[in-house]
């Protein structure tokens, strides 16, 4: 059945150009395997036989993704759908037939996702498809972490900051919040593992959780110096890394006397950094494109669920823009 055009559709069809938001949403709409993700949520979704009738899973998932992509509150997400033609088109809502879900319905859906750890399940499902389609390679990983600041406000029931967040010093500046740790495929730059800790936890302490069993090479910045000597790495049978390409601390090469040996060492460090730079792109997408520079909720678990959804979206965006997207789409077609 053909879609019934509204006056807004006819009016907007005569525009000279599309907005960046509209192009982004159309790209993500075509990239997301909706049927596969809906099937994962279905067993946890209320049947609607009792109480208030439920909205469709796809409708709620689309609304939830809009919320995390544009860093909106529940109420602002609802308002933005009514206000933005691009968002309404992504939601596939025709106001002649139905209205957008309200903020309370979105809140309950978000709590359902968090309570059942569905963010990680959806993230793993997308990675499984990337793996099967050959978009994600094997054999090497890049690991890194970034600080996500938490709100400094104490306007809550306990009149305190989030007890699960802590402060850490980076350079000459102090930060209060959490860390997002990721493992990235060294060949393609796709994120394959995401964990989260308080900000005062050292990057190297979380490293063992970011390494895949078939990783033979591991890249990391100077914060991971000495990683191969740690018990959880050296004595872990599931970790089979043969070569650790960790950037040396700057002071080490700076102190070397000028000459061939120093130039050779600088060239080696450059090659390590050239590969390791791939880990910065997912952080850029999550923090700058999706605007997730501050924690959205209290507690690490809820924020980790959101990080899984954001890095899943970053992987999909990368795949949609790459030449390998047809192979990915064929898996779930």
Protein backbone atom coordinates (compact mmCIF):
# COMPACT_ATOMS: atom_id res chain seq x y z
CA UNK A 1 0.00 0.00 0.00
CA UNK A 2 1.43 3.37 -1.04
CA UNK A 3 2.21 5.89 1.65
CA UNK A 4 -0.44 8.60 1.95
CA UNK A 5 1.16 11.98 1.31
CA UNK A 6 0.35 14.86 3.63
CA UNK A 7 0.52 18.56 2.82
CA UNK A 8 3.86 18.67 4.68
CA UNK A 9 5.27 15.90 2.46
CA UNK A 10 4.23 17.75 -0.68
CA UNK A 11 5.64 21.04 0.62
CA UNK A 12 8.96 19.54 1.72
CA UNK A 13 9.39 17.65 -1.56
CA UNK A 14 9.86 21.01 -3.31
CA UNK A 15 12.88 22.06 -1.25
CA UNK A 16 16.12 22.89 -3.05
CA UNK A 17 18.33 20.81 -0.74
CA UNK A 18 18.26 18.30 2.11
CA UNK A 19 19.60 19.14 5.54
CA UNK A 20 22.55 17.26 7.02
CA UNK A 21 20.23 15.82 9.67
CA UNK A 22 17.88 14.45 7.03
CA UNK A 23 20.73 12.87 5.05
CA UNK A 24 22.16 11.32 8.22
CA UNK A 25 18.80 9.84 9.26
CA UNK A 26 18.14 8.42 5.79
CA UNK A 27 21.60 6.83 5.80
CA UNK A 28 21.10 5.27 9.24
CA UNK A 29 17.59 4.10 8.34
CA UNK A 30 18.99 2.17 5.38
CA UNK A 31 21.93 0.78 7.39
CA UNK A 32 20.11 -0.60 10.44
CA UNK A 33 18.88 -4.22 10.22
CA UNK A 34 15.55 -3.45 11.89
CA UNK A 35 14.14 -6.98 11.77
CA UNK A 36 17.20 -8.48 13.50
CA UNK A 37 17.20 -5.88 16.28
CA UNK A 38 13.44 -6.12 16.81
CA UNK A 39 13.75 -9.91 17.16
CA UNK A 40 16.24 -9.44 20.01
CA UNK A 41 13.93 -7.05 21.88
CA UNK A 42 10.71 -9.01 21.27
CA UNK A 43 11.12 -11.59 24.12
CA UNK A 44 11.46 -8.79 26.69
CA UNK A 45 8.73 -6.52 25.35
CA UNK A 46 5.32 -6.45 27.09
CA UNK A 47 2.50 -8.12 25.17
CA UNK A 48 0.02 -5.31 25.81
CA UNK A 49 -2.71 -7.68 26.94
CA UNK A 50 -3.02 -5.81 30.22
CA UNK A 51 -3.07 -2.13 30.96
CA UNK A 52 -2.11 0.53 28.47
CA UNK A 53 -1.74 -0.66 24.83
CA UNK A 54 1.90 -0.83 23.74
CA UNK A 55 3.42 0.91 20.74
CA UNK A 56 5.33 -1.10 18.15
CA UNK A 57 8.90 -2.12 18.97
CA UNK A 58 10.26 -0.54 15.79
CA UNK A 59 8.56 2.77 16.57
CA UNK A 60 10.01 2.83 20.09
CA UNK A 61 13.48 1.75 18.92
CA UNK A 62 13.50 4.52 16.33
CA UNK A 63 12.52 7.06 19.01
CA UNK A 64 15.18 5.74 21.41
CA UNK A 65 17.87 6.01 18.73
CA UNK A 66 16.87 9.60 18.00
CA UNK A 67 17.26 10.34 21.70
CA UNK A 68 20.82 9.00 21.94
CA UNK A 69 22.00 10.31 18.56
CA UNK A 70 20.95 13.89 19.35
CA UNK A 71 21.50 13.78 23.15
CA UNK A 72 17.91 14.64 24.04
CA UNK A 73 15.85 14.21 27.20
CA UNK A 74 12.63 12.18 27.06
CA UNK A 75 10.49 15.31 26.77
CA UNK A 76 12.78 16.95 24.21
CA UNK A 77 12.72 13.82 22.06
CA UNK A 78 8.93 13.92 21.92
CA UNK A 79 8.92 17.65 21.15
CA UNK A 80 11.62 17.29 18.48
CA UNK A 81 9.60 14.68 16.59
CA UNK A 82 6.67 17.08 16.39
CA UNK A 83 8.99 19.96 15.48
CA UNK A 84 11.33 18.29 12.95
CA UNK A 85 10.15 16.93 9.60
CA UNK A 86 13.37 14.85 9.30
CA UNK A 87 12.76 13.16 12.66
CA UNK A 88 9.10 12.56 11.90
CA UNK A 89 10.05 10.95 8.58
CA UNK A 90 12.61 8.73 10.33
CA UNK A 91 9.92 7.68 12.82
CA UNK A 92 7.63 6.84 9.86
CA UNK A 93 4.72 8.53 11.62
CA UNK A 94 1.85 10.10 9.71
CA UNK A 95 0.06 12.54 12.00
CA UNK A 96 -3.15 11.91 10.08
CA UNK A 97 -3.22 8.40 11.57
CA UNK A 98 -1.20 8.46 14.81
CA UNK A 99 0.76 10.63 17.21
CA UNK A 100 4.33 10.27 18.42
CA UNK A 101 4.85 8.19 21.60
CA UNK A 102 4.93 10.39 24.67
CA UNK A 103 7.92 10.93 26.96
CA UNK A 104 6.66 8.44 29.57
CA UNK A 105 6.43 5.65 26.98
CA UNK A 106 10.00 6.40 25.87
CA UNK A 107 11.17 6.37 29.50
CA UNK A 108 9.65 2.90 30.05
CA UNK A 109 11.21 1.58 26.84
CA UNK A 110 14.63 2.94 27.85
CA UNK A 111 14.33 1.28 31.26
CA UNK A 112 13.42 -2.01 29.53
CA UNK A 113 16.57 -1.77 27.37
CA UNK A 114 18.73 -1.03 30.41
CA UNK A 115 17.21 -3.64 32.73
CA UNK A 116 17.75 -6.47 30.24
CA UNK A 117 21.21 -5.39 29.07
CA UNK A 118 19.87 -5.11 25.54
CA UNK A 119 22.36 -2.41 24.55
CA UNK A 120 25.19 -4.95 24.66
CA UNK A 121 23.06 -7.60 22.91
CA UNK A 122 22.24 -5.24 20.03
CA UNK A 123 25.89 -4.15 19.80
CA UNK A 124 27.03 -7.79 19.59
CA UNK A 125 24.38 -8.60 16.97
CA UNK A 126 25.66 -5.84 14.67
CA UNK A 127 29.27 -6.97 15.20
CA UNK A 128 28.28 -10.56 14.42
CA UNK A 129 26.89 -9.39 11.08
CA UNK A 130 30.02 -7.31 10.38
CA UNK A 131 32.11 -10.38 11.11
CA UNK A 132 30.07 -12.73 8.91
CA UNK A 133 30.09 -10.28 6.00
CA UNK A 134 33.88 -9.90 6.14
CA UNK A 135 33.69 -6.21 7.04
CA UNK A 136 35.49 -6.80 10.34
CA UNK A 137 38.90 -8.44 10.18
CA UNK A 138 40.76 -10.51 12.75
CA UNK A 139 44.29 -10.82 14.13
CA UNK A 140 44.91 -7.46 15.75
CA UNK A 141 43.32 -4.90 18.08
CA UNK A 142 43.86 -1.33 19.21
CA UNK A 143 42.86 -0.45 22.76
CA UNK A 144 42.25 2.96 24.29
CA UNK A 145 40.07 4.84 26.77
CA UNK A 146 38.47 8.25 27.02
CA UNK A 147 37.06 10.22 29.93
CA UNK A 148 33.32 10.96 30.03
CA UNK A 149 32.67 13.69 32.56
CA UNK A 150 29.70 13.48 34.92
CA UNK A 151 27.54 16.35 36.04
CA UNK A 152 28.84 18.36 38.97
CA UNK A 153 25.33 19.11 40.21
CA UNK A 154 24.24 17.85 43.64
CA UNK A 155 20.56 18.70 43.10
CA UNK A 156 19.23 15.22 43.75
CA UNK A 157 17.68 13.18 46.56
CA UNK A 158 21.01 12.49 48.26
CA UNK A 159 22.47 15.97 47.58
CA UNK A 160 25.68 14.25 46.44
CA UNK A 161 27.58 13.56 43.28
CA UNK A 162 27.20 10.16 41.65
CA UNK A 163 29.01 7.76 44.04
CA UNK A 164 30.06 5.45 41.19
CA UNK A 165 31.97 8.26 39.47
CA UNK A 166 35.42 9.39 40.60
CA UNK A 167 37.95 12.04 39.70
CA UNK A 168 41.21 11.68 37.84
CA UNK A 169 43.93 13.97 36.61
CA UNK A 170 44.90 14.24 32.96
CA UNK A 171 47.74 16.61 32.27
CA UNK A 172 47.18 19.54 34.59
CA UNK A 173 43.39 19.23 34.68
CA UNK A 174 41.10 17.26 36.99
CA UNK A 175 38.01 15.44 35.68
CA UNK A 176 35.14 13.81 37.56
CA UNK A 177 33.28 11.01 35.85
CA UNK A 178 33.89 7.66 34.16
CA UNK A 179 36.02 6.10 31.45
CA UNK A 180 34.87 4.38 28.28
CA UNK A 181 37.32 1.64 27.26
CA UNK A 182 37.16 0.20 23.75
CA UNK A 183 38.86 -2.47 21.67
CA UNK A 184 39.01 -1.63 17.97
CA UNK A 185 39.77 -3.95 15.06
CA UNK A 186 43.25 -2.93 13.87
CA UNK A 187 42.48 -3.61 10.22
CA UNK A 188 39.14 -1.88 9.79
CA UNK A 189 38.61 0.42 12.77
CA UNK A 190 35.32 -1.14 13.90
CA UNK A 191 34.72 -1.26 17.67
CA UNK A 192 34.44 -4.87 18.86
CA UNK A 193 34.42 -4.45 22.67
CA UNK A 194 33.20 -1.73 25.05
CA UNK A 195 33.60 -1.53 28.83
CA UNK A 196 33.22 1.26 31.37
CA UNK A 197 34.83 2.06 34.73
CA UNK A 198 35.14 4.94 37.13
CA UNK A 199 37.58 7.59 35.91
CA UNK A 200 40.22 6.75 38.54
CA UNK A 201 40.72 3.23 37.18
CA UNK A 202 43.93 2.96 35.15
CA UNK A 203 43.59 2.19 31.43
CA UNK A 204 45.92 -0.79 31.73
CA UNK A 205 43.78 -2.39 34.46
CA UNK A 206 40.90 -2.85 32.00
CA UNK A 207 43.04 -3.88 29.02
CA UNK A 208 42.60 -7.66 29.38
CA UNK A 209 38.84 -7.33 28.79
CA UNK A 210 39.38 -5.62 25.42
CA UNK A 211 41.52 -8.31 23.75
CA UNK A 212 40.00 -10.98 21.50
CA UNK A 213 41.16 -14.59 21.65
CA UNK A 214 42.55 -14.53 18.10
CA UNK A 215 44.40 -11.22 18.44
CA UNK A 216 48.08 -11.73 17.61
CA UNK A 217 49.04 -8.03 17.64
CA UNK A 218 48.01 -5.37 20.13
CA UNK A 219 48.40 -1.61 19.72
CA UNK A 220 48.12 0.95 22.51
CA UNK A 221 49.41 4.33 23.67
CA UNK A 222 52.02 4.92 26.35
CA UNK A 223 49.45 4.29 29.07
CA UNK A 224 49.75 0.57 28.32
CA UNK A 225 53.54 0.30 28.65
CA UNK A 226 54.43 -2.97 30.40
CA UNK A 227 51.09 -4.61 29.62
CA UNK A 228 52.74 -7.86 28.51
CA UNK A 229 54.17 -8.39 32.02
CA UNK A 230 50.86 -8.20 33.87
CA UNK A 231 49.49 -11.43 35.34
CA UNK A 232 46.04 -11.12 33.76
CA UNK A 233 47.73 -10.92 30.34
CA UNK A 234 50.76 -13.22 30.65
CA UNK A 235 48.91 -16.00 32.50
CA UNK A 236 45.62 -15.83 30.62
CA UNK A 237 45.20 -18.82 28.29
CA UNK A 238 42.52 -17.07 26.24
CA UNK A 239 44.92 -14.22 25.30
CA UNK A 240 47.36 -15.21 22.56
CA UNK A 241 48.98 -11.89 21.67
CA UNK A 242 52.41 -12.46 20.12
CA UNK A 243 53.46 -8.84 19.59
CA UNK A 244 52.70 -5.77 21.71
CA UNK A 245 53.16 -2.59 19.68
CA UNK A 246 52.81 -0.05 22.47
CA UNK A 247 53.94 3.54 21.95
CA UNK A 248 56.88 4.48 24.14
CA UNK A 249 56.64 7.43 26.50
CA UNK A 250 57.76 10.65 24.85
CA UNK A 251 60.46 11.26 27.41
CA UNK A 252 62.26 8.07 26.35
CA UNK A 253 62.87 9.16 22.76
CA UNK A 254 63.40 12.78 23.76
CA UNK A 255 66.35 11.83 25.93
CA UNK A 256 68.05 9.81 23.19
CA UNK A 257 71.09 11.46 21.57
CA UNK A 258 70.59 12.78 18.06
CA UNK A 259 71.58 10.33 15.36
CA UNK A 260 70.50 7.32 13.36
CA UNK A 261 69.24 5.35 16.38
CA UNK A 262 66.91 8.17 17.43
CA UNK A 263 65.58 8.66 13.89
CA UNK A 264 64.92 4.91 13.62
CA UNK A 265 63.06 4.90 16.94
CA UNK A 266 60.97 7.91 15.89
CA UNK A 267 60.08 6.16 12.63
CA UNK A 268 58.93 3.07 14.56
CA UNK A 269 56.80 5.18 16.87
CA UNK A 270 55.27 6.95 13.88
CA UNK A 271 54.24 3.65 12.29
CA UNK A 272 52.66 2.50 15.56
CA UNK A 273 50.76 5.77 15.90
CA UNK A 274 49.60 5.60 12.28
CA UNK A 275 47.77 2.34 12.99
CA UNK A 276 46.71 3.32 16.50
CA UNK A 277 45.04 6.52 15.24
CA UNK A 278 42.08 4.42 14.01
CA UNK A 279 40.87 4.20 17.61
CA UNK A 280 40.27 7.95 17.69
CA UNK A 281 37.56 7.91 15.02
CA UNK A 282 34.91 6.05 17.07
CA UNK A 283 35.58 8.41 19.99
CA UNK A 284 35.14 11.36 17.61
CA UNK A 285 31.79 10.01 16.37
CA UNK A 286 30.45 9.33 19.88
CA UNK A 287 31.69 12.51 21.55
CA UNK A 288 31.49 15.08 18.74
CA UNK A 289 28.89 13.82 16.26
CA UNK A 290 26.53 12.26 18.82
CA UNK A 291 27.47 14.79 21.54
CA UNK A 292 28.09 12.29 24.34
CA UNK A 293 30.71 14.26 26.26
CA UNK A 294 28.92 14.02 29.62
CA UNK A 295 27.23 11.11 31.34
CA UNK A 296 23.49 11.01 30.77
CA UNK A 297 22.50 9.07 33.90
CA UNK A 298 23.67 8.20 37.40
CA UNK A 299 25.58 4.93 37.69
CA UNK A 300 28.03 3.24 35.33
CA UNK A 301 25.68 0.45 34.17
CA UNK A 302 23.13 2.79 32.53
CA UNK A 303 25.84 4.81 30.86
CA UNK A 304 27.55 1.64 29.61
CA UNK A 305 24.26 0.55 28.01
CA UNK A 306 24.14 3.90 26.21
CA UNK A 307 27.79 3.54 25.15
CA UNK A 308 27.01 0.16 23.58
CA UNK A 309 24.19 1.75 21.59
CA UNK A 310 26.39 4.68 20.54
CA UNK A 311 29.34 2.56 19.42
CA UNK A 312 26.92 0.22 17.64
CA UNK A 313 25.63 3.28 15.77
CA UNK A 314 29.21 4.42 15.06
CA UNK A 315 29.97 1.01 13.50
CA UNK A 316 26.81 1.18 11.39
CA UNK A 317 27.60 4.71 10.24
CA UNK A 318 31.13 3.67 9.26
CA UNK A 319 29.81 0.62 7.40
CA UNK A 320 27.12 2.62 5.61
CA UNK A 321 29.71 5.06 4.30
CA UNK A 322 32.13 2.34 3.21
CA UNK A 323 32.23 0.30 0.05
CA UNK A 324 31.61 -2.90 2.05
CA UNK A 325 28.02 -2.02 2.98
CA UNK A 326 26.40 -4.25 0.28
CA UNK A 327 28.13 -7.31 1.78
CA UNK A 328 26.85 -6.34 5.24
CA UNK A 329 23.29 -5.74 3.96
CA UNK A 330 23.20 -9.10 2.20
CA UNK A 331 23.52 -10.95 5.54
CA UNK A 332 20.26 -9.60 6.94
CA UNK A 333 18.37 -9.02 3.67
